[in-house]
Amino acid sequence: MPDYTINTQQIVCVAQFVAKAGKRDALIAVLASLVPDTRCELGCIRYELNVSIEDDNKVAFVEKFASREAFDQHCAKDAIAHYFHNVMPELVESHHVEVFNQVIA
């Protein structure tokens, strides 16, 4: 029997964005503006924005939602769609979004 459990109900998302040259502060401002409303969403457990210690132009959200449904509802919000379709192309050089299940040890 393993000494851990995989929580398959909750969703953890790590969304990393590398800002275009000279666009880091604008990117952080836009992403930070998403935080207050997202934290109020039903099912949002954690939603934090971070800046890399090793690369000033890299920022990352660490997100945790109570269920896949709550995460999908978050992703479908107008503000999130607007960011990905309209804002991100102007500010972001590259990005990587990955979804996980938490290992509870």
N, C-alpha and C. Protein backbone atom coordinates (compact mmCIF):
# COMPACT_ATOMS: atom_id res chain seq x y z
N MET A 1 0.84 -1.18 0.00
CA MET A 1 0.00 0.00 0.00
C MET A 1 0.89 1.25 0.00
N PRO A 2 0.70 2.17 -0.94
CA PRO A 2 1.56 3.36 -1.00
C PRO A 2 1.28 4.31 0.17
N ASP A 3 2.27 5.14 0.48
CA ASP A 3 2.16 6.12 1.55
C ASP A 3 1.64 7.45 1.04
N TYR A 4 0.86 7.42 -0.01
CA TYR A 4 0.31 8.65 -0.58
C TYR A 4 -1.04 8.35 -1.22
N THR A 5 -1.77 9.43 -1.47
CA THR A 5 -3.04 9.36 -2.18
C THR A 5 -3.01 10.43 -3.25
N ILE A 6 -3.59 10.15 -4.38
CA ILE A 6 -3.72 11.17 -5.42
C ILE A 6 -5.13 11.71 -5.37
N ASN A 7 -5.23 13.01 -5.13
CA ASN A 7 -6.53 13.67 -5.06
C ASN A 7 -6.99 13.94 -6.48
N THR A 8 -7.90 13.11 -6.96
CA THR A 8 -8.35 13.24 -8.35
C THR A 8 -9.55 14.17 -8.50
N GLN A 9 -10.06 14.70 -7.39
CA GLN A 9 -11.19 15.62 -7.48
C GLN A 9 -10.72 17.05 -7.71
N GLN A 10 -9.77 17.51 -6.89
CA GLN A 10 -9.30 18.88 -7.02
C GLN A 10 -8.32 19.02 -8.18
N ILE A 11 -8.24 20.23 -8.72
CA ILE A 11 -7.38 20.53 -9.86
C ILE A 11 -6.35 21.56 -9.44
N VAL A 12 -5.10 21.30 -9.77
CA VAL A 12 -4.02 22.26 -9.58
C VAL A 12 -3.52 22.65 -10.96
N CYS A 13 -3.44 23.94 -11.21
CA CYS A 13 -2.96 24.43 -12.50
C CYS A 13 -1.75 25.32 -12.27
N VAL A 14 -0.72 25.11 -13.07
CA VAL A 14 0.45 25.99 -13.08
C VAL A 14 0.49 26.61 -14.47
N ALA A 15 0.32 27.92 -14.51
CA ALA A 15 0.29 28.65 -15.78
C ALA A 15 1.47 29.62 -15.80
N GLN A 16 2.45 29.35 -16.68
CA GLN A 16 3.67 30.17 -16.76
C GLN A 16 3.64 31.03 -18.01
N PHE A 17 4.08 32.27 -17.85
CA PHE A 17 4.12 33.23 -18.95
C PHE A 17 5.47 33.94 -18.94
N VAL A 18 6.10 34.03 -20.11
CA VAL A 18 7.33 34.79 -20.26
C VAL A 18 6.99 36.07 -21.00
N ALA A 19 7.24 37.19 -20.34
CA ALA A 19 6.89 38.49 -20.91
C ALA A 19 7.82 38.85 -22.07
N LYS A 20 7.26 39.52 -23.05
CA LYS A 20 8.07 40.09 -24.12
C LYS A 20 8.98 41.16 -23.50
N ALA A 21 10.08 41.47 -24.18
CA ALA A 21 11.03 42.46 -23.69
C ALA A 21 10.30 43.77 -23.36
N GLY A 22 10.54 44.27 -22.16
CA GLY A 22 9.96 45.53 -21.74
C GLY A 22 8.50 45.46 -21.34
N LYS A 23 7.90 44.27 -21.32
CA LYS A 23 6.46 44.14 -21.06
C LYS A 23 6.14 43.49 -19.72
N ARG A 24 7.16 43.19 -18.91
CA ARG A 24 6.93 42.47 -17.66
C ARG A 24 5.96 43.19 -16.73
N ASP A 25 6.16 44.46 -16.50
CA ASP A 25 5.31 45.19 -15.56
C ASP A 25 3.87 45.25 -16.06
N ALA A 26 3.69 45.44 -17.35
CA ALA A 26 2.34 45.45 -17.92
C ALA A 26 1.69 44.08 -17.77
N LEU A 27 2.46 43.02 -17.99
CA LEU A 27 1.94 41.66 -17.85
C LEU A 27 1.52 41.40 -16.41
N ILE A 28 2.38 41.76 -15.46
CA ILE A 28 2.04 41.55 -14.06
C ILE A 28 0.79 42.33 -13.69
N ALA A 29 0.67 43.56 -14.15
CA ALA A 29 -0.50 44.37 -13.83
C ALA A 29 -1.78 43.72 -14.35
N VAL A 30 -1.74 43.23 -15.58
CA VAL A 30 -2.93 42.59 -16.15
C VAL A 30 -3.27 41.32 -15.39
N LEU A 31 -2.27 40.48 -15.13
CA LEU A 31 -2.53 39.24 -14.42
C LEU A 31 -3.00 39.50 -12.99
N ALA A 32 -2.39 40.47 -12.32
CA ALA A 32 -2.80 40.80 -10.95
C ALA A 32 -4.25 41.27 -10.91
N SER A 33 -4.71 41.90 -11.97
CA SER A 33 -6.09 42.38 -12.00
C SER A 33 -7.10 41.22 -12.02
N LEU A 34 -6.65 40.03 -12.41
CA LEU A 34 -7.53 38.86 -12.43
C LEU A 34 -7.70 38.21 -11.05
N VAL A 35 -6.81 38.53 -10.13
CA VAL A 35 -6.76 37.83 -8.85
C VAL A 35 -8.01 38.06 -7.99
N PRO A 36 -8.42 39.29 -7.71
CA PRO A 36 -9.53 39.47 -6.76
C PRO A 36 -10.82 38.75 -7.17
N ASP A 37 -11.25 38.90 -8.41
CA ASP A 37 -12.49 38.25 -8.85
C ASP A 37 -12.35 36.73 -8.85
N THR A 38 -11.19 36.23 -9.29
CA THR A 38 -11.01 34.78 -9.33
C THR A 38 -11.06 34.18 -7.94
N ARG A 39 -10.47 34.85 -6.97
CA ARG A 39 -10.48 34.33 -5.60
C ARG A 39 -11.90 34.24 -5.04
N CYS A 40 -12.83 34.98 -5.62
CA CYS A 40 -14.23 34.95 -5.17
C CYS A 40 -15.06 33.89 -5.92
N GLU A 41 -14.49 33.27 -6.93
CA GLU A 41 -15.23 32.27 -7.70
C GLU A 41 -15.53 31.04 -6.85
N LEU A 42 -16.70 30.49 -7.08
CA LEU A 42 -17.08 29.26 -6.40
C LEU A 42 -16.09 28.15 -6.78
N GLY A 43 -15.51 27.52 -5.79
CA GLY A 43 -14.58 26.42 -6.05
C GLY A 43 -13.12 26.83 -6.10
N CYS A 44 -12.82 28.13 -6.05
CA CYS A 44 -11.42 28.55 -6.05
C CYS A 44 -10.84 28.37 -4.65
N ILE A 45 -9.78 27.59 -4.56
CA ILE A 45 -9.11 27.34 -3.29
C ILE A 45 -7.85 28.19 -3.18
N ARG A 46 -7.14 28.32 -4.28
CA ARG A 46 -5.86 29.04 -4.29
C ARG A 46 -5.69 29.69 -5.66
N TYR A 47 -5.26 30.95 -5.67
CA TYR A 47 -5.00 31.63 -6.92
C TYR A 47 -3.96 32.69 -6.64
N GLU A 48 -2.71 32.35 -6.91
CA GLU A 48 -1.62 33.28 -6.58
C GLU A 48 -0.72 33.50 -7.78
N LEU A 49 -0.25 34.72 -7.89
CA LEU A 49 0.65 35.12 -8.96
C LEU A 49 2.06 35.23 -8.39
N ASN A 50 3.03 34.69 -9.12
CA ASN A 50 4.41 34.64 -8.67
C ASN A 50 5.34 35.13 -9.77
N VAL A 51 6.49 35.69 -9.35
CA VAL A 51 7.54 36.10 -10.29
C VAL A 51 8.75 35.23 -10.02
N SER A 52 9.36 34.72 -11.08
CA SER A 52 10.52 33.84 -10.96
C SER A 52 11.70 34.57 -10.31
N ILE A 53 12.39 33.88 -9.45
CA ILE A 53 13.61 34.40 -8.84
C ILE A 53 14.74 34.40 -9.86
N GLU A 54 14.72 33.46 -10.79
CA GLU A 54 15.81 33.29 -11.75
C GLU A 54 15.62 34.07 -13.04
N ASP A 55 14.38 34.44 -13.37
CA ASP A 55 14.10 35.14 -14.63
C ASP A 55 13.00 36.16 -14.38
N ASP A 56 13.36 37.44 -14.29
CA ASP A 56 12.41 38.52 -13.99
C ASP A 56 11.24 38.58 -14.97
N ASN A 57 11.42 38.05 -16.16
CA ASN A 57 10.36 38.13 -17.17
C ASN A 57 9.39 36.96 -17.09
N LYS A 58 9.62 36.02 -16.20
CA LYS A 58 8.75 34.85 -16.09
C LYS A 58 7.83 35.01 -14.87
N VAL A 59 6.54 34.88 -15.12
CA VAL A 59 5.55 34.92 -14.04
C VAL A 59 4.70 33.66 -14.13
N ALA A 60 4.14 33.27 -13.00
CA ALA A 60 3.36 32.04 -12.98
C ALA A 60 2.21 32.14 -12.00
N PHE A 61 1.07 31.66 -12.43
CA PHE A 61 -0.05 31.45 -11.53
C PHE A 61 0.06 30.03 -10.99
N VAL A 62 -0.19 29.87 -9.69
CA VAL A 62 -0.42 28.56 -9.09
C VAL A 62 -1.87 28.61 -8.63
N GLU A 63 -2.67 27.73 -9.18
CA GLU A 63 -4.11 27.76 -8.97
C GLU A 63 -4.57 26.42 -8.43
N LYS A 64 -5.58 26.45 -7.59
CA LYS A 64 -6.19 25.21 -7.11
C LYS A 64 -7.69 25.42 -7.05
N PHE A 65 -8.41 24.50 -7.66
CA PHE A 65 -9.86 24.54 -7.70
C PHE A 65 -10.43 23.25 -7.13
N ALA A 66 -11.61 23.35 -6.54
CA ALA A 66 -12.23 22.22 -5.85
C ALA A 66 -12.60 21.07 -6.78
N SER A 67 -12.79 21.38 -8.07
CA SER A 67 -13.19 20.34 -9.02
C SER A 67 -12.80 20.75 -10.43
N ARG A 68 -12.85 19.81 -11.33
CA ARG A 68 -12.60 20.11 -12.75
C ARG A 68 -13.67 21.07 -13.26
N GLU A 69 -14.91 20.87 -12.80
CA GLU A 69 -16.00 21.76 -13.22
C GLU A 69 -15.72 23.21 -12.81
N ALA A 70 -15.27 23.41 -11.58
CA ALA A 70 -14.96 24.77 -11.11
C ALA A 70 -13.82 25.37 -11.92
N PHE A 71 -12.81 24.56 -12.23
CA PHE A 71 -11.69 25.04 -13.03
C PHE A 71 -12.16 25.39 -14.44
N ASP A 72 -12.97 24.53 -15.04
CA ASP A 72 -13.48 24.80 -16.39
C ASP A 72 -14.33 26.06 -16.42
N GLN A 73 -15.14 26.27 -15.37
CA GLN A 73 -15.94 27.50 -15.30
C GLN A 73 -15.05 28.72 -15.20
N HIS A 74 -13.97 28.60 -14.45
CA HIS A 74 -12.99 29.70 -14.36
C HIS A 74 -12.41 30.00 -15.74
N CYS A 75 -12.00 28.97 -16.43
CA CYS A 75 -11.38 29.15 -17.76
C CYS A 75 -12.35 29.76 -18.77
N ALA A 76 -13.63 29.54 -18.56
CA ALA A 76 -14.65 30.05 -19.48
C ALA A 76 -15.06 31.50 -19.18
N LYS A 77 -14.57 32.07 -18.10
CA LYS A 77 -14.93 33.45 -17.74
C LYS A 77 -14.46 34.41 -18.83
N ASP A 78 -15.24 35.44 -19.05
CA ASP A 78 -14.92 36.44 -20.07
C ASP A 78 -13.54 37.06 -19.86
N ALA A 79 -13.19 37.36 -18.61
CA ALA A 79 -11.90 37.99 -18.33
C ALA A 79 -10.73 37.09 -18.70
N ILE A 80 -10.87 35.79 -18.48
CA ILE A 80 -9.80 34.85 -18.80
C ILE A 80 -9.69 34.70 -20.32
N ALA A 81 -10.82 34.53 -20.98
CA ALA A 81 -10.81 34.43 -22.45
C ALA A 81 -10.25 35.69 -23.08
N HIS A 82 -10.63 36.85 -22.55
CA HIS A 82 -10.11 38.13 -23.07
C HIS A 82 -8.59 38.18 -22.93
N TYR A 83 -8.09 37.75 -21.76
CA TYR A 83 -6.64 37.75 -21.55
C TYR A 83 -5.95 36.88 -22.60
N PHE A 84 -6.39 35.63 -22.74
CA PHE A 84 -5.71 34.70 -23.64
C PHE A 84 -5.83 35.11 -25.11
N HIS A 85 -6.96 35.67 -25.51
CA HIS A 85 -7.17 35.98 -26.93
C HIS A 85 -6.74 37.38 -27.34
N ASN A 86 -6.84 38.35 -26.42
CA ASN A 86 -6.58 39.73 -26.79
C ASN A 86 -5.35 40.35 -26.16
N VAL A 87 -5.11 40.06 -24.89
CA VAL A 87 -4.02 40.70 -24.16
C VAL A 87 -2.71 39.93 -24.30
N MET A 88 -2.78 38.64 -24.10
CA MET A 88 -1.56 37.82 -24.09
C MET A 88 -0.71 37.98 -25.35
N PRO A 89 -1.29 38.02 -26.54
CA PRO A 89 -0.44 38.15 -27.74
C PRO A 89 0.42 39.42 -27.75
N GLU A 90 -0.04 40.45 -27.07
CA GLU A 90 0.72 41.71 -27.03
C GLU A 90 1.85 41.69 -26.00
N LEU A 91 1.69 40.89 -24.95
CA LEU A 91 2.59 40.96 -23.81
C LEU A 91 3.47 39.73 -23.59
N VAL A 92 3.09 38.60 -24.16
CA VAL A 92 3.73 37.32 -23.81
C VAL A 92 4.51 36.75 -24.98
N GLU A 93 5.77 36.41 -24.68
CA GLU A 93 6.65 35.77 -25.67
C GLU A 93 6.32 34.28 -25.78
N SER A 94 6.12 33.62 -24.63
CA SER A 94 5.78 32.20 -24.62
C SER A 94 5.02 31.90 -23.34
N HIS A 95 4.31 30.76 -23.37
CA HIS A 95 3.57 30.36 -22.19
C HIS A 95 3.42 28.84 -22.15
N HIS A 96 3.15 28.35 -20.95
CA HIS A 96 2.92 26.92 -20.75
C HIS A 96 1.91 26.78 -19.61
N VAL A 97 0.83 26.07 -19.88
CA VAL A 97 -0.20 25.83 -18.87
C VAL A 97 -0.33 24.32 -18.71
N GLU A 98 -0.25 23.87 -17.46
CA GLU A 98 -0.35 22.44 -17.19
C GLU A 98 -1.25 22.22 -15.98
N VAL A 99 -2.04 21.16 -16.04
CA VAL A 99 -3.00 20.84 -15.00
C VAL A 99 -2.57 19.55 -14.31
N PHE A 100 -2.71 19.54 -12.98
CA PHE A 100 -2.23 18.42 -12.16
C PHE A 100 -3.30 17.97 -11.18
N ASN A 101 -3.11 16.77 -10.65
CA ASN A 101 -3.79 16.31 -9.45
C ASN A 101 -2.75 16.31 -8.34
N GLN A 102 -3.16 16.74 -7.15
CA GLN A 102 -2.25 16.82 -6.01
C GLN A 102 -1.97 15.44 -5.43
N VAL A 103 -0.72 15.20 -5.10
CA VAL A 103 -0.32 13.99 -4.37
C VAL A 103 -0.31 14.34 -2.90
N ILE A 104 -1.07 13.61 -2.11
CA ILE A 104 -1.14 13.85 -0.68
C ILE A 104 -0.31 12.77 0.01
N ALA A 105 0.78 13.20 0.62
CA ALA A 105 1.71 12.25 1.27
C ALA A 105 1.60 12.34 2.78
